[in-house]
Amino acid sequence: MRTYKRKTNRGSTSKDVIDRACQQVIFDKKSINSTAKQFAIPYKTLQRHVVNMTKKIEKNPELSKSESTYNVTTALATKEIDKYLVMRKSLL
């Protein structure tokens, strides 16, 4: 089989760069167009991520600026993890 050689650089923008750009648009009130040019991200891609992050912030308004970009474990998931750890500890 031959070695695959990627022909474009589409989809190569890291999640960290997109998150920083979204924070500038949402929290620093910069325009999507200028931020997209600054970070070299396609306009529509940045717009889509900003909309998704805005929905996430509206759903959990107590999230801080840094927490809004990372997945935060919910209380239910934390309880499930605690149950699992107790069960595992009892088996040992």
C-alpha atoms as a PDB file:
ATOM      1  CA  MET A   1       0.000   0.000   0.000  1.00  0.00           C
ATOM      2  CA  ARG A   2       1.226   3.470  -0.768  1.00  0.00           C
ATOM      3  CA  THR A   3       1.829   6.169   1.794  1.00  0.00           C
ATOM      4  CA  TYR A   4      -0.936   8.758   1.982  1.00  0.00           C
ATOM      5  CA  LYS A   5       0.152  12.327   1.343  1.00  0.00           C
ATOM      6  CA  ARG A   6      -2.227  15.025   2.529  1.00  0.00           C
ATOM      7  CA  LYS A   7      -2.944  17.484  -0.265  1.00  0.00           C
ATOM      8  CA  THR A   8      -4.515  20.363   1.685  1.00  0.00           C
ATOM      9  CA  ASN A   9      -4.196  21.939   5.109  1.00  0.00           C
ATOM     10  CA  ARG A  10      -7.964  22.018   5.724  1.00  0.00           C
ATOM     11  CA  GLY A  11      -8.980  21.079   9.240  1.00  0.00           C
ATOM     12  CA  SER A  12      -5.526  21.647  10.676  1.00  0.00           C
ATOM     13  CA  THR A  13      -6.454  24.504  13.039  1.00  0.00           C
ATOM     14  CA  SER A  14      -6.012  23.366  16.625  1.00  0.00           C
ATOM     15  CA  LYS A  15      -8.863  23.430  19.137  1.00  0.00           C
ATOM     16  CA  ASP A  16      -6.859  25.763  21.381  1.00  0.00           C
ATOM     17  CA  VAL A  17      -6.594  28.429  18.670  1.00  0.00           C
ATOM     18  CA  ILE A  18     -10.312  28.212  17.911  1.00  0.00           C
ATOM     19  CA  ASP A  19     -11.157  28.480  21.629  1.00  0.00           C
ATOM     20  CA  ARG A  20      -8.986  31.587  22.050  1.00  0.00           C
ATOM     21  CA  ALA A  21     -10.600  33.182  19.004  1.00  0.00           C
ATOM     22  CA  CYS A  22     -14.088  32.395  20.344  1.00  0.00           C
ATOM     23  CA  GLN A  23     -13.202  33.962  23.685  1.00  0.00           C
ATOM     24  CA  GLN A  24     -12.106  37.156  21.955  1.00  0.00           C
ATOM     25  CA  VAL A  25     -15.388  37.341  20.058  1.00  0.00           C
ATOM     26  CA  ILE A  26     -17.654  36.499  23.007  1.00  0.00           C
ATOM     27  CA  PHE A  27     -15.925  38.082  25.994  1.00  0.00           C
ATOM     28  CA  ASP A  28     -13.799  40.844  24.443  1.00  0.00           C
ATOM     29  CA  LYS A  29     -16.567  41.848  21.970  1.00  0.00           C
ATOM     30  CA  LYS A  30     -14.345  41.753  18.881  1.00  0.00           C
ATOM     31  CA  SER A  31     -15.885  41.148  15.477  1.00  0.00           C
ATOM     32  CA  ILE A  32     -15.924  37.651  14.036  1.00  0.00           C
ATOM     33  CA  ASN A  33     -14.452  38.844  10.747  1.00  0.00           C
ATOM     34  CA  SER A  34     -11.414  40.599  12.228  1.00  0.00           C
ATOM     35  CA  THR A  35     -10.776  37.781  14.701  1.00  0.00           C
ATOM     36  CA  ALA A  36     -10.993  35.196  11.919  1.00  0.00           C
ATOM     37  CA  LYS A  37      -8.391  37.124   9.920  1.00  0.00           C
ATOM     38  CA  GLN A  38      -6.158  37.565  12.975  1.00  0.00           C
ATOM     39  CA  PHE A  39      -6.147  33.826  13.768  1.00  0.00           C
ATOM     40  CA  ALA A  40      -6.235  32.702  10.104  1.00  0.00           C
ATOM     41  CA  ILE A  41      -9.464  30.755  10.629  1.00  0.00           C
ATOM     42  CA  PRO A  42     -12.238  30.660   8.022  1.00  0.00           C
ATOM     43  CA  TYR A  43     -15.045  33.081   8.927  1.00  0.00           C
ATOM     44  CA  LYS A  44     -17.828  30.475   8.852  1.00  0.00           C
ATOM     45  CA  THR A  45     -15.841  28.041  10.992  1.00  0.00           C
ATOM     46  CA  LEU A  46     -15.297  30.662  13.675  1.00  0.00           C
ATOM     47  CA  GLN A  47     -18.944  31.725  13.496  1.00  0.00           C
ATOM     48  CA  ARG A  48     -20.101  28.122  14.005  1.00  0.00           C
ATOM     49  CA  HIS A  49     -17.830  27.654  17.029  1.00  0.00           C
ATOM     50  CA  VAL A  50     -18.905  30.995  18.536  1.00  0.00           C
ATOM     51  CA  VAL A  51     -22.580  30.015  18.236  1.00  0.00           C
ATOM     52  CA  ASN A  52     -21.916  26.651  19.896  1.00  0.00           C
ATOM     53  CA  MET A  53     -19.881  28.215  22.714  1.00  0.00           C
ATOM     54  CA  THR A  54     -22.551  30.886  23.263  1.00  0.00           C
ATOM     55  CA  LYS A  55     -25.194  28.160  23.623  1.00  0.00           C
ATOM     56  CA  LYS A  56     -22.949  26.352  26.098  1.00  0.00           C
ATOM     57  CA  ILE A  57     -22.512  29.533  28.161  1.00  0.00           C
ATOM     58  CA  GLU A  58     -26.256  30.286  28.105  1.00  0.00           C
ATOM     59  CA  LYS A  59     -26.976  26.759  29.313  1.00  0.00           C
ATOM     60  CA  ASN A  60     -24.496  27.093  32.219  1.00  0.00           C
ATOM     61  CA  PRO A  61     -24.278  30.818  33.071  1.00  0.00           C
ATOM     62  CA  GLU A  62     -22.137  30.158  36.163  1.00  0.00           C
ATOM     63  CA  LEU A  63     -19.215  28.992  34.010  1.00  0.00           C
ATOM     64  CA  SER A  64     -16.224  31.307  34.042  1.00  0.00           C
ATOM     65  CA  LYS A  65     -14.322  32.444  30.970  1.00  0.00           C
ATOM     66  CA  SER A  66     -11.748  29.645  31.235  1.00  0.00           C
ATOM     67  CA  GLU A  67     -14.287  26.935  32.093  1.00  0.00           C
ATOM     68  CA  SER A  68     -16.402  27.704  29.049  1.00  0.00           C
ATOM     69  CA  THR A  69     -13.773  26.290  26.694  1.00  0.00           C
ATOM     70  CA  TYR A  70     -13.230  23.009  28.502  1.00  0.00           C
ATOM     71  CA  ASN A  71     -15.615  20.158  29.171  1.00  0.00           C
ATOM     72  CA  VAL A  72     -16.675  20.365  32.789  1.00  0.00           C
ATOM     73  CA  THR A  73     -17.881  17.200  34.478  1.00  0.00           C
ATOM     74  CA  THR A  74     -21.496  17.473  35.565  1.00  0.00           C
ATOM     75  CA  ALA A  75     -22.656  16.660  39.085  1.00  0.00           C
ATOM     76  CA  LEU A  76     -24.395  13.498  37.879  1.00  0.00           C
ATOM     77  CA  ALA A  77     -21.259  12.266  36.134  1.00  0.00           C
ATOM     78  CA  THR A  78     -19.207  13.010  39.250  1.00  0.00           C
ATOM     79  CA  LYS A  79     -21.597  10.917  41.385  1.00  0.00           C
ATOM     80  CA  GLU A  80     -21.358   8.053  38.905  1.00  0.00           C
ATOM     81  CA  ILE A  81     -17.566   8.225  38.990  1.00  0.00           C
ATOM     82  CA  ASP A  82     -17.602   8.228  42.801  1.00  0.00           C
ATOM     83  CA  LYS A  83     -19.888   5.169  42.862  1.00  0.00           C
ATOM     84  CA  TYR A  84     -17.620   3.366  40.438  1.00  0.00           C
ATOM     85  CA  LEU A  85     -14.497   4.154  42.462  1.00  0.00           C
ATOM     86  CA  VAL A  86     -16.115   2.938  45.697  1.00  0.00           C
ATOM     87  CA  MET A  87     -17.202  -0.257  43.959  1.00  0.00           C
ATOM     88  CA  ARG A  88     -13.703  -0.822  42.545  1.00  0.00           C
ATOM     89  CA  LYS A  89     -12.138  -0.205  45.943  1.00  0.00           C
ATOM     90  CA  SER A  90     -14.436  -2.783  47.572  1.00  0.00           C
ATOM     91  CA  LEU A  91     -13.422  -5.390  44.978  1.00  0.00           C
ATOM     92  CA  LEU A  92      -9.738  -5.003  45.802  1.00  0.00           C
END
